[in-house]
Amino acid sequence: MNKKFIVYFLIILLIFNITWLIYISSFNLAVFHNKNFYKKEFTKLGVYDDLKDYDVDKINNEVLDYLSNKKTASRATFSPKGKKTISWM
């Protein structure tokens, strides 16, 4: 009886872990590896027109790299209001 319980517990644990692994990896792919999504949305929302003086793609890539722990944040990336919000920078 005890051995059967352990087997069922391990099967449930494995199913739970596989579900979370799929969820996290699909989130990671959608957010950090689909750069065309951001270009389409920025175009649709008129971000490029509103921020003509800035390199929007470069800023977006720096922020995504920071969020994915590939790079440390540059103080130049964030606006003065953003720098106040992120006081630890």
PDB file of N, CA and C in Angstrom:
ATOM      1  N   MET A   1       0.824  -1.193   0.000  1.00  0.00           N
ATOM      2  CA  MET A   1       0.000   0.000   0.000  1.00  0.00           C
ATOM      3  C   MET A   1       0.875   1.266   0.000  1.00  0.00           C
ATOM      4  N   ASN A   2       1.899   1.289   0.790  1.00  0.00           N
ATOM      5  CA  ASN A   2       2.772   2.442   0.890  1.00  0.00           C
ATOM      6  C   ASN A   2       3.530   2.668  -0.415  1.00  0.00           C
ATOM      7  N   LYS A   3       3.960   1.601  -1.065  1.00  0.00           N
ATOM      8  CA  LYS A   3       4.684   1.699  -2.319  1.00  0.00           C
ATOM      9  C   LYS A   3       3.786   2.260  -3.419  1.00  0.00           C
ATOM     10  N   LYS A   4       2.535   1.875  -3.422  1.00  0.00           N
ATOM     11  CA  LYS A   4       1.573   2.350  -4.397  1.00  0.00           C
ATOM     12  C   LYS A   4       1.335   3.860  -4.224  1.00  0.00           C
ATOM     13  N   PHE A   5       1.253   4.308  -2.996  1.00  0.00           N
ATOM     14  CA  PHE A   5       1.065   5.729  -2.697  1.00  0.00           C
ATOM     15  C   PHE A   5       2.255   6.546  -3.209  1.00  0.00           C
ATOM     16  N   ILE A   6       3.451   6.059  -2.998  1.00  0.00           N
ATOM     17  CA  ILE A   6       4.652   6.755  -3.443  1.00  0.00           C
ATOM     18  C   ILE A   6       4.683   6.857  -4.968  1.00  0.00           C
ATOM     19  N   VAL A   7       4.307   5.795  -5.656  1.00  0.00           N
ATOM     20  CA  VAL A   7       4.291   5.804  -7.119  1.00  0.00           C
ATOM     21  C   VAL A   7       3.280   6.833  -7.620  1.00  0.00           C
ATOM     22  N   TYR A   8       2.062   6.845  -7.052  1.00  0.00           N
ATOM     23  CA  TYR A   8       1.048   7.819  -7.463  1.00  0.00           C
ATOM     24  C   TYR A   8       1.494   9.252  -7.157  1.00  0.00           C
ATOM     25  N   PHE A   9       2.110   9.431  -6.023  1.00  0.00           N
ATOM     26  CA  PHE A   9       2.602  10.754  -5.646  1.00  0.00           C
ATOM     27  C   PHE A   9       3.657  11.238  -6.641  1.00  0.00           C
ATOM     28  N   LEU A  10       4.573  10.366  -7.014  1.00  0.00           N
ATOM     29  CA  LEU A  10       5.618  10.736  -7.969  1.00  0.00           C
ATOM     30  C   LEU A  10       5.040  11.025  -9.361  1.00  0.00           C
ATOM     31  N   ILE A  11       4.034  10.276  -9.754  1.00  0.00           N
ATOM     32  CA  ILE A  11       3.393  10.520 -11.050  1.00  0.00           C
ATOM     33  C   ILE A  11       2.703  11.885 -11.058  1.00  0.00           C
ATOM     34  N   ILE A  12       1.990  12.204 -10.006  1.00  0.00           N
ATOM     35  CA  ILE A  12       1.320  13.505  -9.903  1.00  0.00           C
ATOM     36  C   ILE A  12       2.345  14.629  -9.869  1.00  0.00           C
ATOM     37  N   LEU A  13       3.405  14.436  -9.132  1.00  0.00           N
ATOM     38  CA  LEU A  13       4.459  15.438  -9.063  1.00  0.00           C
ATOM     39  C   LEU A  13       5.106  15.650 -10.432  1.00  0.00           C
ATOM     40  N   LEU A  14       5.341  14.590 -11.155  1.00  0.00           N
ATOM     41  CA  LEU A  14       5.924  14.677 -12.487  1.00  0.00           C
ATOM     42  C   LEU A  14       4.996  15.425 -13.442  1.00  0.00           C
ATOM     43  N   ILE A  15       3.712  15.122 -13.401  1.00  0.00           N
ATOM     44  CA  ILE A  15       2.737  15.811 -14.254  1.00  0.00           C
ATOM     45  C   ILE A  15       2.705  17.299 -13.928  1.00  0.00           C
ATOM     46  N   PHE A  16       2.714  17.627 -12.649  1.00  0.00           N
ATOM     47  CA  PHE A  16       2.697  19.019 -12.223  1.00  0.00           C
ATOM     48  C   PHE A  16       3.948  19.747 -12.708  1.00  0.00           C
ATOM     49  N   ASN A  17       5.093  19.121 -12.575  1.00  0.00           N
ATOM     50  CA  ASN A  17       6.351  19.747 -13.002  1.00  0.00           C
ATOM     51  C   ASN A  17       6.419  19.932 -14.510  1.00  0.00           C
ATOM     52  N   ILE A  18       5.941  18.964 -15.256  1.00  0.00           N
ATOM     53  CA  ILE A  18       5.943  19.074 -16.719  1.00  0.00           C
ATOM     54  C   ILE A  18       5.019  20.205 -17.154  1.00  0.00           C
ATOM     55  N   THR A  19       3.870  20.334 -16.493  1.00  0.00           N
ATOM     56  CA  THR A  19       2.932  21.416 -16.823  1.00  0.00           C
ATOM     57  C   THR A  19       3.577  22.776 -16.597  1.00  0.00           C
ATOM     58  N   TRP A  20       4.228  22.951 -15.464  1.00  0.00           N
ATOM     59  CA  TRP A  20       4.888  24.220 -15.171  1.00  0.00           C
ATOM     60  C   TRP A  20       6.061  24.472 -16.114  1.00  0.00           C
ATOM     61  N   LEU A  21       6.785  23.457 -16.464  1.00  0.00           N
ATOM     62  CA  LEU A  21       7.895  23.607 -17.391  1.00  0.00           C
ATOM     63  C   LEU A  21       7.408  24.091 -18.757  1.00  0.00           C
ATOM     64  N   ILE A  22       6.332  23.537 -19.245  1.00  0.00           N
ATOM     65  CA  ILE A  22       5.763  23.959 -20.521  1.00  0.00           C
ATOM     66  C   ILE A  22       5.275  25.404 -20.423  1.00  0.00           C
ATOM     67  N   TYR A  23       4.608  25.733 -19.341  1.00  0.00           N
ATOM     68  CA  TYR A  23       4.097  27.092 -19.147  1.00  0.00           C
ATOM     69  C   TYR A  23       5.232  28.113 -19.110  1.00  0.00           C
ATOM     70  N   ILE A  24       6.249  27.848 -18.339  1.00  0.00           N
ATOM     71  CA  ILE A  24       7.360  28.795 -18.198  1.00  0.00           C
ATOM     72  C   ILE A  24       8.145  28.924 -19.501  1.00  0.00           C
ATOM     73  N   SER A  25       8.388  27.828 -20.180  1.00  0.00           N
ATOM     74  CA  SER A  25       9.158  27.910 -21.426  1.00  0.00           C
ATOM     75  C   SER A  25       8.360  28.617 -22.525  1.00  0.00           C
ATOM     76  N   SER A  26       7.043  28.424 -22.584  1.00  0.00           N
ATOM     77  CA  SER A  26       6.255  29.134 -23.591  1.00  0.00           C
ATOM     78  C   SER A  26       6.194  30.622 -23.282  1.00  0.00           C
ATOM     79  N   PHE A  27       6.124  30.980 -22.003  1.00  0.00           N
ATOM     80  CA  PHE A  27       6.166  32.388 -21.607  1.00  0.00           C
ATOM     81  C   PHE A  27       7.497  33.006 -22.006  1.00  0.00           C
ATOM     82  N   ASN A  28       8.567  32.298 -21.742  1.00  0.00           N
ATOM     83  CA  ASN A  28       9.910  32.776 -22.080  1.00  0.00           C
ATOM     84  C   ASN A  28      10.039  32.983 -23.591  1.00  0.00           C
ATOM     85  N   LEU A  29       9.555  32.054 -24.374  1.00  0.00           N
ATOM     86  CA  LEU A  29       9.629  32.189 -25.829  1.00  0.00           C
ATOM     87  C   LEU A  29       8.792  33.359 -26.320  1.00  0.00           C
ATOM     88  N   ALA A  30       7.604  33.529 -25.765  1.00  0.00           N
ATOM     89  CA  ALA A  30       6.715  34.597 -26.215  1.00  0.00           C
ATOM     90  C   ALA A  30       7.251  35.978 -25.863  1.00  0.00           C
ATOM     91  N   VAL A  31       7.826  36.120 -24.696  1.00  0.00           N
ATOM     92  CA  VAL A  31       8.251  37.441 -24.225  1.00  0.00           C
ATOM     93  C   VAL A  31       9.627  37.827 -24.744  1.00  0.00           C
ATOM     94  N   PHE A  32      10.581  36.954 -24.663  1.00  0.00           N
ATOM     95  CA  PHE A  32      11.968  37.332 -24.925  1.00  0.00           C
ATOM     96  C   PHE A  32      12.488  36.982 -26.311  1.00  0.00           C
ATOM     97  N   HIS A  33      11.824  36.130 -27.048  1.00  0.00           N
ATOM     98  CA  HIS A  33      12.377  35.695 -28.332  1.00  0.00           C
ATOM     99  C   HIS A  33      11.534  36.118 -29.530  1.00  0.00           C
ATOM    100  N   ASN A  34      10.407  36.772 -29.280  1.00  0.00           N
ATOM    101  CA  ASN A  34       9.543  37.197 -30.375  1.00  0.00           C
ATOM    102  C   ASN A  34       9.640  38.706 -30.541  1.00  0.00           C
ATOM    103  N   LYS A  35      10.753  39.179 -31.074  1.00  0.00           N
ATOM    104  CA  LYS A  35      11.012  40.614 -31.216  1.00  0.00           C
ATOM    105  C   LYS A  35      10.077  41.250 -32.247  1.00  0.00           C
ATOM    106  N   ASN A  36       9.613  40.487 -33.244  1.00  0.00           N
ATOM    107  CA  ASN A  36       8.702  41.044 -34.246  1.00  0.00           C
ATOM    108  C   ASN A  36       7.371  41.455 -33.634  1.00  0.00           C
ATOM    109  N   PHE A  37       6.960  40.804 -32.570  1.00  0.00           N
ATOM    110  CA  PHE A  37       5.717  41.162 -31.889  1.00  0.00           C
ATOM    111  C   PHE A  37       5.785  42.606 -31.402  1.00  0.00           C
ATOM    112  N   TYR A  38       6.898  42.981 -30.810  1.00  0.00           N
ATOM    113  CA  TYR A  38       7.039  44.333 -30.284  1.00  0.00           C
ATOM    114  C   TYR A  38       7.052  45.359 -31.405  1.00  0.00           C
ATOM    115  N   LYS A  39       7.712  45.043 -32.514  1.00  0.00           N
ATOM    116  CA  LYS A  39       7.731  45.970 -33.644  1.00  0.00           C
ATOM    117  C   LYS A  39       6.325  46.195 -34.191  1.00  0.00           C
ATOM    118  N   LYS A  40       5.548  45.118 -34.318  1.00  0.00           N
ATOM    119  CA  LYS A  40       4.171  45.243 -34.803  1.00  0.00           C
ATOM    120  C   LYS A  40       3.328  46.082 -33.846  1.00  0.00           C
ATOM    121  N   GLU A  41       3.447  45.817 -32.562  1.00  0.00           N
ATOM    122  CA  GLU A  41       2.658  46.554 -31.578  1.00  0.00           C
ATOM    123  C   GLU A  41       3.080  48.018 -31.497  1.00  0.00           C
ATOM    124  N   PHE A  42       4.375  48.277 -31.543  1.00  0.00           N
ATOM    125  CA  PHE A  42       4.849  49.662 -31.514  1.00  0.00           C
ATOM    126  C   PHE A  42       4.343  50.432 -32.725  1.00  0.00           C
ATOM    127  N   THR A  43       4.333  49.777 -33.887  1.00  0.00           N
ATOM    128  CA  THR A  43       3.828  50.418 -35.095  1.00  0.00           C
ATOM    129  C   THR A  43       2.332  50.673 -34.975  1.00  0.00           C
ATOM    130  N   LYS A  44       1.603  49.663 -34.526  1.00  0.00           N
ATOM    131  CA  LYS A  44       0.146  49.777 -34.387  1.00  0.00           C
ATOM    132  C   LYS A  44      -0.238  50.880 -33.403  1.00  0.00           C
ATOM    133  N   LEU A  45       0.515  51.023 -32.324  1.00  0.00           N
ATOM    134  CA  LEU A  45       0.190  52.003 -31.292  1.00  0.00           C
ATOM    135  C   LEU A  45       0.826  53.374 -31.536  1.00  0.00           C
ATOM    136  N   GLY A  46       1.609  53.490 -32.594  1.00  0.00           N
ATOM    137  CA  GLY A  46       2.208  54.770 -32.942  1.00  0.00           C
ATOM    138  C   GLY A  46       3.369  55.184 -32.053  1.00  0.00           C
ATOM    139  N   VAL A  47       4.043  54.229 -31.471  1.00  0.00           N
ATOM    140  CA  VAL A  47       5.167  54.530 -30.579  1.00  0.00           C
ATOM    141  C   VAL A  47       6.319  55.149 -31.359  1.00  0.00           C
ATOM    142  N   TYR A  48       6.568  54.642 -32.559  1.00  0.00           N
ATOM    143  CA  TYR A  48       7.675  55.177 -33.358  1.00  0.00           C
ATOM    144  C   TYR A  48       7.428  56.643 -33.718  1.00  0.00           C
ATOM    145  N   ASP A  49       6.174  56.989 -33.990  1.00  0.00           N
ATOM    146  CA  ASP A  49       5.842  58.378 -34.326  1.00  0.00           C
ATOM    147  C   ASP A  49       5.937  59.282 -33.108  1.00  0.00           C
ATOM    148  N   ASP A  50       5.502  58.789 -31.951  1.00  0.00           N
ATOM    149  CA  ASP A  50       5.514  59.593 -30.726  1.00  0.00           C
ATOM    150  C   ASP A  50       6.929  59.815 -30.192  1.00  0.00           C
ATOM    151  N   LEU A  51       7.807  58.857 -30.422  1.00  0.00           N
ATOM    152  CA  LEU A  51       9.166  58.930 -29.870  1.00  0.00           C
ATOM    153  C   LEU A  51      10.206  58.949 -30.991  1.00  0.00           C
ATOM    154  N   LYS A  52      10.052  59.915 -31.895  1.00  0.00           N
ATOM    155  CA  LYS A  52      10.956  59.997 -33.056  1.00  0.00           C
ATOM    156  C   LYS A  52      12.407  60.250 -32.665  1.00  0.00           C
ATOM    157  N   ASP A  53      12.610  60.918 -31.541  1.00  0.00           N
ATOM    158  CA  ASP A  53      13.975  61.263 -31.129  1.00  0.00           C
ATOM    159  C   ASP A  53      14.713  60.105 -30.469  1.00  0.00           C
ATOM    160  N   TYR A  54      14.039  58.991 -30.237  1.00  0.00           N
ATOM    161  CA  TYR A  54      14.632  57.856 -29.526  1.00  0.00           C
ATOM    162  C   TYR A  54      14.730  56.645 -30.441  1.00  0.00           C
ATOM    163  N   ASP A  55      15.685  55.797 -30.163  1.00  0.00           N
ATOM    164  CA  ASP A  55      15.800  54.521 -30.856  1.00  0.00           C
ATOM    165  C   ASP A  55      14.988  53.497 -30.049  1.00  0.00           C
ATOM    166  N   VAL A  56      13.715  53.381 -30.387  1.00  0.00           N
ATOM    167  CA  VAL A  56      12.773  52.580 -29.609  1.00  0.00           C
ATOM    168  C   VAL A  56      13.185  51.116 -29.578  1.00  0.00           C
ATOM    169  N   ASP A  57      13.631  50.588 -30.704  1.00  0.00           N
ATOM    170  CA  ASP A  57      14.030  49.179 -30.745  1.00  0.00           C
ATOM    171  C   ASP A  57      15.225  48.905 -29.839  1.00  0.00           C
ATOM    172  N   LYS A  58      16.182  49.828 -29.834  1.00  0.00           N
ATOM    173  CA  LYS A  58      17.356  49.652 -28.985  1.00  0.00           C
ATOM    174  C   LYS A  58      16.950  49.679 -27.505  1.00  0.00           C
ATOM    175  N   ILE A  59      16.098  50.629 -27.147  1.00  0.00           N
ATOM    176  CA  ILE A  59      15.646  50.720 -25.754  1.00  0.00           C
ATOM    177  C   ILE A  59      14.875  49.472 -25.366  1.00  0.00           C
ATOM    178  N   ASN A  60      13.993  49.019 -26.250  1.00  0.00           N
ATOM    179  CA  ASN A  60      13.216  47.809 -25.959  1.00  0.00           C
ATOM    180  C   ASN A  60      14.128  46.603 -25.789  1.00  0.00           C
ATOM    181  N   ASN A  61      15.131  46.472 -26.650  1.00  0.00           N
ATOM    182  CA  ASN A  61      16.059  45.340 -26.534  1.00  0.00           C
ATOM    183  C   ASN A  61      16.867  45.403 -25.244  1.00  0.00           C
ATOM    184  N   GLU A  62      17.269  46.604 -24.836  1.00  0.00           N
ATOM    185  CA  GLU A  62      18.007  46.733 -23.579  1.00  0.00           C
ATOM    186  C   GLU A  62      17.149  46.344 -22.383  1.00  0.00           C
ATOM    187  N   VAL A  63      15.899  46.767 -22.390  1.00  0.00           N
ATOM    188  CA  VAL A  63      15.000  46.422 -21.287  1.00  0.00           C
ATOM    189  C   VAL A  63      14.734  44.917 -21.264  1.00  0.00           C
ATOM    190  N   LEU A  64      14.504  44.325 -22.430  1.00  0.00           N
ATOM    191  CA  LEU A  64      14.273  42.872 -22.475  1.00  0.00           C
ATOM    192  C   LEU A  64      15.517  42.100 -22.050  1.00  0.00           C
ATOM    193  N   ASP A  65      16.690  42.571 -22.454  1.00  0.00           N
ATOM    194  CA  ASP A  65      17.929  41.915 -22.015  1.00  0.00           C
ATOM    195  C   ASP A  65      18.089  42.018 -20.505  1.00  0.00           C
ATOM    196  N   TYR A  66      17.736  43.174 -19.958  1.00  0.00           N
ATOM    197  CA  TYR A  66      17.813  43.337 -18.508  1.00  0.00           C
ATOM    198  C   TYR A  66      16.838  42.394 -17.801  1.00  0.00           C
ATOM    199  N   LEU A  67      15.615  42.308 -18.303  1.00  0.00           N
ATOM    200  CA  LEU A  67      14.615  41.442 -17.671  1.00  0.00           C
ATOM    201  C   LEU A  67      14.971  39.966 -17.781  1.00  0.00           C
ATOM    202  N   SER A  68      15.690  39.599 -18.828  1.00  0.00           N
ATOM    203  CA  SER A  68      16.079  38.198 -18.989  1.00  0.00           C
ATOM    204  C   SER A  68      17.447  37.911 -18.370  1.00  0.00           C
ATOM    205  N   ASN A  69      17.976  38.874 -17.607  1.00  0.00           N
ATOM    206  CA  ASN A  69      19.251  38.747 -16.894  1.00  0.00           C
ATOM    207  C   ASN A  69      20.448  38.580 -17.819  1.00  0.00           C
ATOM    208  N   LYS A  70      20.349  39.048 -19.042  1.00  0.00           N
ATOM    209  CA  LYS A  70      21.483  38.984 -19.952  1.00  0.00           C
ATOM    210  C   LYS A  70      22.428  40.159 -19.751  1.00  0.00           C
ATOM    211  N   LYS A  71      21.888  41.261 -19.245  1.00  0.00           N
ATOM    212  CA  LYS A  71      22.658  42.477 -19.110  1.00  0.00           C
ATOM    213  C   LYS A  71      22.242  43.210 -17.846  1.00  0.00           C
ATOM    214  N   THR A  72      23.136  44.030 -17.340  1.00  0.00           N
ATOM    215  CA  THR A  72      22.745  44.919 -16.258  1.00  0.00           C
ATOM    216  C   THR A  72      22.125  46.160 -16.877  1.00  0.00           C
ATOM    217  N   ALA A  73      21.284  46.815 -16.120  1.00  0.00           N
ATOM    218  CA  ALA A  73      20.565  47.969 -16.643  1.00  0.00           C
ATOM    219  C   ALA A  73      21.479  49.171 -16.750  1.00  0.00           C
ATOM    220  N   SER A  74      21.303  49.900 -17.812  1.00  0.00           N
ATOM    221  CA  SER A  74      22.019  51.153 -17.991  1.00  0.00           C
ATOM    222  C   SER A  74      21.116  52.275 -17.501  1.00  0.00           C
ATOM    223  N   ARG A  75      21.673  53.197 -16.783  1.00  0.00           N
ATOM    224  CA  ARG A  75      20.869  54.319 -16.294  1.00  0.00           C
ATOM    225  C   ARG A  75      20.320  55.143 -17.454  1.00  0.00           C
ATOM    226  N   ALA A  76      20.989  55.127 -18.582  1.00  0.00           N
ATOM    227  CA  ALA A  76      20.540  55.910 -19.736  1.00  0.00           C
ATOM    228  C   ALA A  76      19.287  55.307 -20.370  1.00  0.00           C
ATOM    229  N   THR A  77      19.020  54.038 -20.118  1.00  0.00           N
ATOM    230  CA  THR A  77      17.872  53.371 -20.719  1.00  0.00           C
ATOM    231  C   THR A  77      16.562  53.920 -20.185  1.00  0.00           C
ATOM    232  N   PHE A  78      16.527  54.300 -18.918  1.00  0.00           N
ATOM    233  CA  PHE A  78      15.284  54.671 -18.278  1.00  0.00           C
ATOM    234  C   PHE A  78      15.125  56.184 -18.210  1.00  0.00           C
ATOM    235  N   SER A  79      13.892  56.644 -18.247  1.00  0.00           N
ATOM    236  CA  SER A  79      13.584  58.069 -18.137  1.00  0.00           C
ATOM    237  C   SER A  79      13.848  58.545 -16.712  1.00  0.00           C
ATOM    238  N   PRO A  80      13.880  59.858 -16.488  1.00  0.00           N
ATOM    239  CA  PRO A  80      14.070  60.352 -15.114  1.00  0.00           C
ATOM    240  C   PRO A  80      13.001  59.839 -14.154  1.00  0.00           C
ATOM    241  N   LYS A  81      11.759  59.765 -14.635  1.00  0.00           N
ATOM    242  CA  LYS A  81      10.684  59.226 -13.784  1.00  0.00           C
ATOM    243  C   LYS A  81      10.934  57.746 -13.483  1.00  0.00           C
ATOM    244  N   GLY A  82      11.380  57.009 -14.491  1.00  0.00           N
ATOM    245  CA  GLY A  82      11.691  55.595 -14.289  1.00  0.00           C
ATOM    246  C   GLY A  82      12.838  55.389 -13.331  1.00  0.00           C
ATOM    247  N   LYS A  83      13.834  56.283 -13.402  1.00  0.00           N
ATOM    248  CA  LYS A  83      14.986  56.189 -12.501  1.00  0.00           C
ATOM    249  C   LYS A  83      14.568  56.430 -11.055  1.00  0.00           C
ATOM    250  N   LYS A  84      13.601  57.341 -10.856  1.00  0.00           N
ATOM    251  CA  LYS A  84      13.091  57.577  -9.500  1.00  0.00           C
ATOM    252  C   LYS A  84      12.332  56.357  -8.994  1.00  0.00           C
ATOM    253  N   THR A  85      11.566  55.740  -9.886  1.00  0.00           N
ATOM    254  CA  THR A  85      10.784  54.552  -9.512  1.00  0.00           C
ATOM    255  C   THR A  85      11.708  53.405  -9.133  1.00  0.00           C
ATOM    256  N   ILE A  86      12.773  53.229  -9.919  1.00  0.00           N
ATOM    257  CA  ILE A  86      13.739  52.170  -9.656  1.00  0.00           C
ATOM    258  C   ILE A  86      14.877  52.775  -8.873  1.00  0.00           C
ATOM    259  N   SER A  87      14.680  52.974  -7.614  1.00  0.00           N
ATOM    260  CA  SER A  87      15.638  53.705  -6.789  1.00  0.00           C
ATOM    261  C   SER A  87      16.945  52.950  -6.554  1.00  0.00           C
ATOM    262  N   TRP A  88      16.965  51.656  -6.741  1.00  0.00           N
ATOM    263  CA  TRP A  88      18.160  50.866  -6.470  1.00  0.00           C
ATOM    264  C   TRP A  88      19.171  50.949  -7.604  1.00  0.00           C
ATOM    265  N   MET A  89      18.840  51.620  -8.699  1.00  0.00           N
ATOM    266  CA  MET A  89      19.763  51.729  -9.840  1.00  0.00           C
ATOM    267  C   MET A  89      20.828  52.743  -9.572  1.00  0.00           C
TER     268      MET A  89
END
